[in-house]
Amino acid sequence: MTEKFKSMKNFRKITGALVFIFLLAGGFIFAQDKAINANQLPKTAKNFLATHFKGIAVGSALEDREIYGVDEYKVYLANGVKVEFDSSGNWKEVDGKHQKLPYGFIPVSIRNYAAKNFPNTYIIKIEKERWSYKAELSNGLDLEFDKKGNFKRIDD
């Protein structure tokens, strides 16, 4: 009886491990980027683009899907700028690809700090993270700010 019990216990372990592996693999299979039309972006994202990148056409837009739904959107503009939005359409990252970004959406304290301390540079990339911002300047420096836009440090 104990031999049968041990083999049944091993069978359950193996079955559980296989189910876990298939679920994990399924997550990778279903997580994919899907090309979408710019008018399929969330309203918040469309408003952001219309306000801060007026007159610049959308080259392509991608919807990053996970098992649970849309994770984020990536928009590539005709001038080379890449904008990433969260699933609700709020901007997460704007990468000017070495071009000066429009400053309208960048927190005032970050704009002021960069202008005062690095007067001959401009912001070419900005990332909004959960607790901070990161701004890359045209001279290659990466600046970190807290969520309120207060300078924290120069990132190496």
C-alpha atoms as a PDB file:
ATOM      1  CA  MET A   1       0.000   0.000   0.000  1.00  0.00           C
ATOM      2  CA  THR A   2       2.796   2.470   0.809  1.00  0.00           C
ATOM      3  CA  GLU A   3       4.493   1.815  -2.565  1.00  0.00           C
ATOM      4  CA  LYS A   4       1.247   2.629  -4.357  1.00  0.00           C
ATOM      5  CA  PHE A   5       0.834   5.771  -2.222  1.00  0.00           C
ATOM      6  CA  LYS A   6       4.386   6.954  -3.112  1.00  0.00           C
ATOM      7  CA  SER A   7       3.839   6.445  -6.830  1.00  0.00           C
ATOM      8  CA  MET A   8       0.529   8.325  -6.658  1.00  0.00           C
ATOM      9  CA  LYS A   9       2.248  11.178  -4.799  1.00  0.00           C
ATOM     10  CA  ASN A  10       4.997  11.333  -7.483  1.00  0.00           C
ATOM     11  CA  PHE A  11       2.349  11.298 -10.216  1.00  0.00           C
ATOM     12  CA  ARG A  12       0.646  14.317  -8.628  1.00  0.00           C
ATOM     13  CA  LYS A  13       3.958  16.209  -8.402  1.00  0.00           C
ATOM     14  CA  ILE A  14       4.780  15.501 -12.040  1.00  0.00           C
ATOM     15  CA  THR A  15       1.267  16.421 -13.175  1.00  0.00           C
ATOM     16  CA  GLY A  16       1.372  19.651 -11.157  1.00  0.00           C
ATOM     17  CA  ALA A  17       4.756  20.577 -12.618  1.00  0.00           C
ATOM     18  CA  LEU A  18       3.534  19.921 -16.176  1.00  0.00           C
ATOM     19  CA  VAL A  19       0.421  22.030 -15.663  1.00  0.00           C
ATOM     20  CA  PHE A  20       2.590  24.863 -14.321  1.00  0.00           C
ATOM     21  CA  ILE A  21       4.951  24.631 -17.321  1.00  0.00           C
ATOM     22  CA  PHE A  22       2.044  24.700 -19.801  1.00  0.00           C
ATOM     23  CA  LEU A  23       0.485  27.712 -18.082  1.00  0.00           C
ATOM     24  CA  LEU A  24       3.816  29.526 -18.100  1.00  0.00           C
ATOM     25  CA  ALA A  25       4.391  28.707 -21.773  1.00  0.00           C
ATOM     26  CA  GLY A  26       0.861  29.841 -22.576  1.00  0.00           C
ATOM     27  CA  GLY A  27       1.618  33.225 -21.043  1.00  0.00           C
ATOM     28  CA  PHE A  28       4.540  33.691 -23.395  1.00  0.00           C
ATOM     29  CA  ILE A  29       2.537  32.553 -26.405  1.00  0.00           C
ATOM     30  CA  PHE A  30      -0.359  34.921 -25.745  1.00  0.00           C
ATOM     31  CA  ALA A  31       1.805  37.903 -24.774  1.00  0.00           C
ATOM     32  CA  GLN A  32       2.380  39.695 -28.040  1.00  0.00           C
ATOM     33  CA  ASP A  33       2.428  43.016 -29.814  1.00  0.00           C
ATOM     34  CA  LYS A  34      -0.435  43.682 -32.185  1.00  0.00           C
ATOM     35  CA  ALA A  35      -0.468  46.484 -34.753  1.00  0.00           C
ATOM     36  CA  ILE A  36      -3.469  48.751 -34.316  1.00  0.00           C
ATOM     37  CA  ASN A  37      -4.830  51.855 -35.964  1.00  0.00           C
ATOM     38  CA  ALA A  38      -4.076  55.132 -34.139  1.00  0.00           C
ATOM     39  CA  ASN A  39      -7.809  55.723 -33.619  1.00  0.00           C
ATOM     40  CA  GLN A  40      -7.903  52.517 -31.508  1.00  0.00           C
ATOM     41  CA  LEU A  41      -5.688  54.099 -28.848  1.00  0.00           C
ATOM     42  CA  PRO A  42      -7.352  55.107 -25.564  1.00  0.00           C
ATOM     43  CA  LYS A  43      -8.842  58.609 -25.609  1.00  0.00           C
ATOM     44  CA  THR A  44      -6.238  59.841 -23.093  1.00  0.00           C
ATOM     45  CA  ALA A  45      -3.402  58.769 -25.426  1.00  0.00           C
ATOM     46  CA  LYS A  46      -5.052  60.347 -28.473  1.00  0.00           C
ATOM     47  CA  ASN A  47      -5.510  63.619 -26.546  1.00  0.00           C
ATOM     48  CA  PHE A  48      -1.863  63.548 -25.422  1.00  0.00           C
ATOM     49  CA  LEU A  49      -0.626  63.111 -29.001  1.00  0.00           C
ATOM     50  CA  ALA A  50      -2.979  65.788 -30.365  1.00  0.00           C
ATOM     51  CA  THR A  51      -1.898  68.252 -27.673  1.00  0.00           C
ATOM     52  CA  HIS A  52       1.865  67.714 -27.548  1.00  0.00           C
ATOM     53  CA  PHE A  53       2.637  66.377 -31.032  1.00  0.00           C
ATOM     54  CA  LYS A  54       0.095  68.328 -33.066  1.00  0.00           C
ATOM     55  CA  GLY A  55       0.531  67.895 -36.802  1.00  0.00           C
ATOM     56  CA  ILE A  56       2.911  64.930 -36.490  1.00  0.00           C
ATOM     57  CA  ALA A  57       1.462  61.788 -38.032  1.00  0.00           C
ATOM     58  CA  VAL A  58       1.438  58.434 -36.272  1.00  0.00           C
ATOM     59  CA  GLY A  59       3.706  56.081 -38.211  1.00  0.00           C
ATOM     60  CA  SER A  60       2.592  52.981 -36.343  1.00  0.00           C
ATOM     61  CA  ALA A  61       0.898  51.950 -33.129  1.00  0.00           C
ATOM     62  CA  LEU A  62       1.267  48.684 -31.231  1.00  0.00           C
ATOM     63  CA  GLU A  63      -0.847  47.161 -28.526  1.00  0.00           C
ATOM     64  CA  ASP A  64       1.148  44.999 -26.115  1.00  0.00           C
ATOM     65  CA  ARG A  65      -1.219  42.253 -24.980  1.00  0.00           C
ATOM     66  CA  GLU A  66      -0.786  39.976 -22.005  1.00  0.00           C
ATOM     67  CA  ILE A  67      -3.046  37.150 -20.841  1.00  0.00           C
ATOM     68  CA  TYR A  68      -5.002  39.582 -18.667  1.00  0.00           C
ATOM     69  CA  GLY A  69      -5.489  42.164 -21.452  1.00  0.00           C
ATOM     70  CA  VAL A  70      -3.645  45.184 -22.797  1.00  0.00           C
ATOM     71  CA  ASP A  71      -0.467  45.981 -20.874  1.00  0.00           C
ATOM     72  CA  GLU A  72       0.706  49.038 -22.815  1.00  0.00           C
ATOM     73  CA  TYR A  73       0.669  50.878 -26.121  1.00  0.00           C
ATOM     74  CA  LYS A  74       3.693  51.941 -28.162  1.00  0.00           C
ATOM     75  CA  VAL A  75       3.326  54.702 -30.713  1.00  0.00           C
ATOM     76  CA  TYR A  76       5.969  55.569 -33.285  1.00  0.00           C
ATOM     77  CA  LEU A  77       5.552  59.020 -34.804  1.00  0.00           C
ATOM     78  CA  ALA A  78       6.579  60.006 -38.329  1.00  0.00           C
ATOM     79  CA  ASN A  79       9.413  62.179 -36.943  1.00  0.00           C
ATOM     80  CA  GLY A  80      10.971  59.184 -35.127  1.00  0.00           C
ATOM     81  CA  VAL A  81       9.642  59.933 -31.629  1.00  0.00           C
ATOM     82  CA  LYS A  82       8.436  56.907 -29.638  1.00  0.00           C
ATOM     83  CA  VAL A  83       5.725  57.288 -26.991  1.00  0.00           C
ATOM     84  CA  GLU A  84       4.717  54.515 -24.589  1.00  0.00           C
ATOM     85  CA  PHE A  85       1.369  54.595 -22.800  1.00  0.00           C
ATOM     86  CA  ASP A  86      -0.041  52.418 -20.027  1.00  0.00           C
ATOM     87  CA  SER A  87      -3.244  50.457 -20.583  1.00  0.00           C
ATOM     88  CA  SER A  88      -5.334  53.545 -19.716  1.00  0.00           C
ATOM     89  CA  GLY A  89      -3.502  55.794 -22.169  1.00  0.00           C
ATOM     90  CA  ASN A  90      -1.327  57.706 -19.678  1.00  0.00           C
ATOM     91  CA  TRP A  91       2.189  58.376 -20.960  1.00  0.00           C
ATOM     92  CA  LYS A  92       4.973  56.257 -19.455  1.00  0.00           C
ATOM     93  CA  GLU A  93       7.916  57.157 -21.674  1.00  0.00           C
ATOM     94  CA  VAL A  94       8.611  59.631 -24.447  1.00  0.00           C
ATOM     95  CA  ASP A  95      11.805  59.091 -26.426  1.00  0.00           C
ATOM     96  CA  GLY A  96      12.706  61.851 -28.864  1.00  0.00           C
ATOM     97  CA  LYS A  97      15.509  59.780 -30.408  1.00  0.00           C
ATOM     98  CA  HIS A  98      17.938  62.681 -29.813  1.00  0.00           C
ATOM     99  CA  GLN A  99      15.348  65.340 -30.715  1.00  0.00           C
ATOM    100  CA  LYS A 100      14.181  68.006 -28.263  1.00  0.00           C
ATOM    101  CA  LEU A 101      10.894  66.996 -26.650  1.00  0.00           C
ATOM    102  CA  PRO A 102       7.988  69.427 -26.342  1.00  0.00           C
ATOM    103  CA  TYR A 103       7.956  70.561 -22.718  1.00  0.00           C
ATOM    104  CA  GLY A 104       4.201  70.879 -22.165  1.00  0.00           C
ATOM    105  CA  PHE A 105       3.791  67.493 -20.452  1.00  0.00           C
ATOM    106  CA  ILE A 106       7.080  67.498 -18.536  1.00  0.00           C
ATOM    107  CA  PRO A 107       6.650  68.613 -14.904  1.00  0.00           C
ATOM    108  CA  VAL A 108       7.663  72.266 -14.437  1.00  0.00           C
ATOM    109  CA  SER A 109      10.179  71.470 -11.683  1.00  0.00           C
ATOM    110  CA  ILE A 110      12.038  69.051 -14.004  1.00  0.00           C
ATOM    111  CA  ARG A 111      12.036  71.560 -16.875  1.00  0.00           C
ATOM    112  CA  ASN A 112      13.281  74.323 -14.576  1.00  0.00           C
ATOM    113  CA  TYR A 113      16.018  72.166 -13.031  1.00  0.00           C
ATOM    114  CA  ALA A 114      17.341  71.111 -16.443  1.00  0.00           C
ATOM    115  CA  ALA A 115      17.239  74.679 -17.835  1.00  0.00           C
ATOM    116  CA  LYS A 116      18.939  76.208 -14.785  1.00  0.00           C
ATOM    117  CA  ASN A 117      21.668  73.604 -14.260  1.00  0.00           C
ATOM    118  CA  PHE A 118      22.284  72.560 -17.880  1.00  0.00           C
ATOM    119  CA  PRO A 119      21.468  75.703 -19.906  1.00  0.00           C
ATOM    120  CA  ASN A 120      22.871  74.539 -23.250  1.00  0.00           C
ATOM    121  CA  THR A 121      20.995  71.233 -23.270  1.00  0.00           C
ATOM    122  CA  TYR A 122      17.445  70.004 -23.705  1.00  0.00           C
ATOM    123  CA  ILE A 123      15.451  66.946 -22.667  1.00  0.00           C
ATOM    124  CA  ILE A 124      15.446  64.211 -25.325  1.00  0.00           C
ATOM    125  CA  LYS A 125      13.815  61.399 -23.321  1.00  0.00           C
ATOM    126  CA  ILE A 126      11.679  61.157 -20.207  1.00  0.00           C
ATOM    127  CA  GLU A 127      10.326  58.163 -18.298  1.00  0.00           C
ATOM    128  CA  LYS A 128       7.595  58.270 -15.690  1.00  0.00           C
ATOM    129  CA  GLU A 129       7.936  55.421 -13.221  1.00  0.00           C
ATOM    130  CA  ARG A 130       5.865  54.574 -10.183  1.00  0.00           C
ATOM    131  CA  TRP A 131       7.937  56.603  -7.707  1.00  0.00           C
ATOM    132  CA  SER A 132      10.172  58.714  -9.939  1.00  0.00           C
ATOM    133  CA  TYR A 133      11.022  60.337 -13.239  1.00  0.00           C
ATOM    134  CA  LYS A 134      14.131  59.885 -15.355  1.00  0.00           C
ATOM    135  CA  ALA A 135      15.120  62.519 -17.882  1.00  0.00           C
ATOM    136  CA  GLU A 136      17.879  62.167 -20.448  1.00  0.00           C
ATOM    137  CA  LEU A 137      19.532  65.355 -21.663  1.00  0.00           C
ATOM    138  CA  SER A 138      21.016  66.087 -25.073  1.00  0.00           C
ATOM    139  CA  ASN A 139      24.522  65.950 -23.536  1.00  0.00           C
ATOM    140  CA  GLY A 140      23.931  62.310 -22.510  1.00  0.00           C
ATOM    141  CA  LEU A 141      23.352  62.898 -18.789  1.00  0.00           C
ATOM    142  CA  ASP A 142      20.534  60.979 -17.108  1.00  0.00           C
ATOM    143  CA  LEU A 143      18.812  62.853 -14.301  1.00  0.00           C
ATOM    144  CA  GLU A 144      16.581  61.242 -11.672  1.00  0.00           C
ATOM    145  CA  PHE A 145      13.735  63.027  -9.914  1.00  0.00           C
ATOM    146  CA  ASP A 146      11.252  61.926  -7.276  1.00  0.00           C
ATOM    147  CA  LYS A 147       7.530  61.678  -8.043  1.00  0.00           C
ATOM    148  CA  LYS A 148       7.062  65.372  -7.200  1.00  0.00           C
ATOM    149  CA  GLY A 149       9.803  66.382  -9.637  1.00  0.00           C
ATOM    150  CA  ASN A 150      12.497  67.134  -7.040  1.00  0.00           C
ATOM    151  CA  PHE A 151      16.017  66.360  -8.219  1.00  0.00           C
ATOM    152  CA  LYS A 152      17.527  63.209  -6.677  1.00  0.00           C
ATOM    153  CA  ARG A 153      20.734  62.476  -8.548  1.00  0.00           C
ATOM    154  CA  ILE A 154      22.606  62.136 -11.810  1.00  0.00           C
ATOM    155  CA  ASP A 155      22.358  58.516 -12.927  1.00  0.00           C
ATOM    156  CA  ASP A 156      25.469  56.885 -14.357  1.00  0.00           C
END
